Amino acid sequence: MKNIYKPLVLLTLVAGLASCNNVAEFETESFVSFSGKAYSVKEDAGEIKIPVILTASSPMTTTVAYQITGGDAIENKHFTMPNRTGVITVSTDPAQSDSIVVCPIDSTGIFTKNKTIQFTLQTVNAEGVFLGNTSTCQITIIDGDAGHKLHVGHWAGSDRQTSKNPGAIEFDLGLCE
């Protein structure tokens, strides 16, 4: 009985393959997404541009709406957004694409902790273009003052891990007003 199953399975497989004369066609979907899920910027950086990418099988340009959907950063206190319209132009040609521009407010000297902003792509203004998997993005504005006070004091050690002839290292770190 076991010997009958092998030829029967082989015959079924060959018959199945022989009957497949359909050609599979694959169509690439067009989609818009952020180029990354997370970005970090120092509070004194000036600005950060968050790219939004349009992927399509043929050249095209469209617009995409975006919105701030989360985070603890407060607009006009921790950041500003010049030309904030909530809509940017995206293209398969990166030179023709806009970015979402965020300008952290430099609050050097004031301990504010790191702050976050979450953006979400909302809608695409083109037929057949969808939102990609990376439709949300978080920006972290790094507080330049965070941790300075934790390092104030006298420090001593050596560079044993980086040198064959270790030497002693000593320094004092203090904050200047």
Protein backbone atom coordinates (compact mmCIF):
# COMPACT_ATOMS: atom_id res chain seq x y z
CA MET A 1 0.00 0.00 0.00
CA LYS A 2 2.87 2.36 0.80
CA ASN A 3 4.35 1.87 -2.65
CA ILE A 4 1.15 3.14 -4.32
CA TYR A 5 1.21 6.52 -2.53
CA LYS A 6 4.59 7.66 -3.90
CA PRO A 7 3.68 7.29 -7.61
CA LEU A 8 0.22 8.72 -6.95
CA VAL A 9 1.66 11.82 -5.24
CA LEU A 10 4.24 12.24 -8.01
CA LEU A 11 1.57 11.91 -10.72
CA THR A 12 -0.64 14.48 -8.98
CA LEU A 13 2.27 16.91 -8.70
CA VAL A 14 3.22 16.56 -12.38
CA ALA A 15 -0.42 16.97 -13.47
CA GLY A 16 -0.77 20.05 -11.31
CA LEU A 17 2.37 21.67 -12.72
CA ALA A 18 1.39 20.84 -16.30
CA SER A 19 -1.98 22.52 -15.89
CA CYS A 20 -0.38 25.81 -14.73
CA ASN A 21 -0.15 27.85 -17.90
CA ASN A 22 -1.18 31.13 -16.27
CA VAL A 23 1.48 33.79 -16.03
CA ALA A 24 1.69 35.55 -12.70
CA GLU A 25 1.76 39.32 -12.98
CA PHE A 26 3.01 41.46 -10.15
CA GLU A 27 2.03 45.07 -9.85
CA THR A 28 3.91 47.45 -7.62
CA GLU A 29 1.70 49.56 -5.40
CA SER A 30 2.51 53.23 -5.08
CA PHE A 31 2.85 54.46 -1.52
CA VAL A 32 3.94 57.39 0.63
CA SER A 33 5.85 56.93 3.88
CA PHE A 34 8.37 58.52 6.21
CA SER A 35 11.95 57.53 5.45
CA GLY A 36 12.39 56.48 9.10
CA LYS A 37 10.36 55.86 12.25
CA ALA A 38 12.39 58.06 14.62
CA TYR A 39 14.71 61.05 14.50
CA SER A 40 16.65 62.91 17.19
CA VAL A 41 17.73 66.54 17.14
CA LYS A 42 19.53 68.69 19.71
CA GLU A 43 17.60 71.68 21.00
CA ASP A 44 20.20 74.06 19.51
CA ALA A 45 20.32 72.39 16.06
CA GLY A 46 18.31 75.07 14.27
CA GLU A 47 16.04 72.76 12.29
CA ILE A 48 15.39 69.20 11.26
CA LYS A 49 13.84 68.14 7.96
CA ILE A 50 11.77 64.98 8.06
CA PRO A 51 11.65 63.46 4.58
CA VAL A 52 8.50 61.88 3.22
CA ILE A 53 9.10 59.48 0.33
CA LEU A 54 6.84 58.61 -2.61
CA THR A 55 7.52 55.19 -4.11
CA ALA A 56 5.87 54.48 -7.46
CA SER A 57 6.59 52.48 -10.61
CA SER A 58 6.42 55.61 -12.78
CA PRO A 59 7.38 59.26 -12.17
CA MET A 60 4.71 61.25 -10.35
CA THR A 61 4.11 64.08 -7.90
CA THR A 62 1.28 64.45 -5.37
CA THR A 63 0.50 65.95 -1.98
CA VAL A 64 0.12 64.27 1.39
CA ALA A 65 -1.53 65.62 4.53
CA TYR A 66 0.15 65.18 7.90
CA GLN A 67 -0.76 65.96 11.48
CA ILE A 68 0.87 66.08 14.91
CA THR A 69 -0.72 63.16 16.75
CA GLY A 70 1.30 62.82 19.93
CA GLY A 71 4.30 63.62 22.04
CA ASP A 72 4.92 65.97 24.95
CA ALA A 73 6.63 68.85 23.11
CA ILE A 74 4.54 72.01 22.95
CA GLU A 75 4.49 74.08 19.77
CA ASN A 76 5.92 77.60 20.24
CA LYS A 77 7.45 76.52 23.57
CA HIS A 78 9.70 73.61 22.55
CA PHE A 79 9.55 73.89 18.73
CA THR A 80 8.16 75.88 15.82
CA MET A 81 7.15 74.83 12.33
CA PRO A 82 7.74 77.41 9.60
CA ASN A 83 5.30 77.19 6.68
CA ARG A 84 3.04 74.87 8.63
CA THR A 85 0.18 73.98 6.35
CA GLY A 86 -0.32 70.31 7.22
CA VAL A 87 0.25 69.38 3.55
CA ILE A 88 3.50 68.79 1.67
CA THR A 89 4.36 67.94 -1.91
CA VAL A 90 6.04 64.58 -2.52
CA SER A 91 7.53 63.25 -5.72
CA THR A 92 9.38 60.22 -7.04
CA ASP A 93 12.11 62.79 -7.78
CA PRO A 94 13.58 63.65 -4.35
CA ALA A 95 14.63 67.10 -5.62
CA GLN A 96 10.92 67.93 -6.12
CA SER A 97 9.80 66.73 -2.67
CA ASP A 98 9.19 68.87 0.39
CA SER A 99 10.02 67.81 3.94
CA ILE A 100 8.28 68.49 7.22
CA VAL A 101 10.47 71.14 8.88
CA VAL A 102 10.69 71.36 12.67
CA CYS A 103 12.75 74.05 14.43
CA PRO A 104 13.53 73.20 18.06
CA ILE A 105 13.53 76.23 20.34
CA ASP A 106 16.96 76.57 21.92
CA SER A 107 16.41 76.62 25.65
CA THR A 108 20.04 76.03 26.58
CA GLY A 109 20.52 76.76 30.26
CA ILE A 110 16.99 75.62 31.14
CA PHE A 111 16.47 71.98 32.12
CA THR A 112 13.42 70.93 30.06
CA LYS A 113 14.06 67.17 29.65
CA ASN A 114 13.91 65.56 26.23
CA LYS A 115 10.65 66.28 24.38
CA THR A 116 8.93 64.28 21.65
CA ILE A 117 6.66 65.06 18.70
CA GLN A 118 4.79 62.37 16.77
CA PHE A 119 3.70 62.99 13.18
CA THR A 120 1.22 60.86 11.26
CA LEU A 121 0.62 60.92 7.51
CA GLN A 122 -3.12 61.27 6.98
CA THR A 123 -4.23 61.24 3.33
CA VAL A 124 -2.65 61.19 -0.10
CA ASN A 125 -4.13 63.32 -2.88
CA ALA A 126 -3.60 60.86 -5.75
CA GLU A 127 -5.61 57.94 -7.05
CA GLY A 128 -3.92 54.59 -6.40
CA VAL A 129 -1.32 55.93 -3.93
CA PHE A 130 -1.54 54.49 -0.44
CA LEU A 131 0.04 55.17 2.94
CA GLY A 132 3.04 52.93 3.54
CA ASN A 133 3.96 50.99 6.67
CA THR A 134 5.97 53.90 8.06
CA SER A 135 3.14 56.42 8.29
CA THR A 136 4.08 57.60 11.78
CA CYS A 137 7.33 59.17 12.88
CA GLN A 138 8.62 60.43 16.23
CA ILE A 139 11.09 63.27 16.70
CA THR A 140 12.97 63.58 19.98
CA ILE A 141 14.28 67.04 20.86
CA ILE A 142 17.31 66.38 23.05
CA ASP A 143 17.73 68.71 26.02
CA GLY A 144 21.36 69.86 25.99
CA ASP A 145 21.21 70.57 29.71
CA ALA A 146 20.06 67.10 30.71
CA GLY A 147 22.71 65.37 32.74
CA HIS A 148 25.27 68.19 33.03
CA LYS A 149 24.52 68.56 36.71
CA LEU A 150 24.95 64.83 37.16
CA HIS A 151 28.58 65.04 36.06
CA VAL A 152 29.71 67.97 38.21
CA GLY A 153 32.51 67.10 40.60
CA HIS A 154 35.98 65.57 40.75
CA TRP A 155 36.68 62.57 38.54
CA ALA A 156 39.66 60.22 38.50
CA GLY A 157 40.47 57.12 36.45
CA SER A 158 42.77 55.71 33.80
CA ASP A 159 42.74 54.87 30.13
CA ARG A 160 43.59 51.17 30.63
CA GLN A 161 41.18 49.90 27.99
CA THR A 162 42.54 52.12 25.21
CA SER A 163 46.28 52.09 25.83
CA LYS A 164 49.08 49.58 26.43
CA ASN A 165 50.66 52.09 28.82
CA PRO A 166 47.77 53.33 30.94
CA GLY A 167 47.99 56.73 32.50
CA ALA A 168 46.03 58.38 35.24
CA ILE A 169 43.30 60.83 34.32
CA GLU A 170 41.97 63.41 36.78
CA PHE A 171 39.72 66.39 36.20
CA ASP A 172 37.18 68.66 37.84
CA LEU A 173 33.93 69.46 36.08
CA GLY A 174 31.83 72.41 37.13
CA LEU A 175 29.03 74.51 35.67
CA CYS A 176 29.72 78.12 34.74
CA GLU A 177 26.96 80.63 35.26
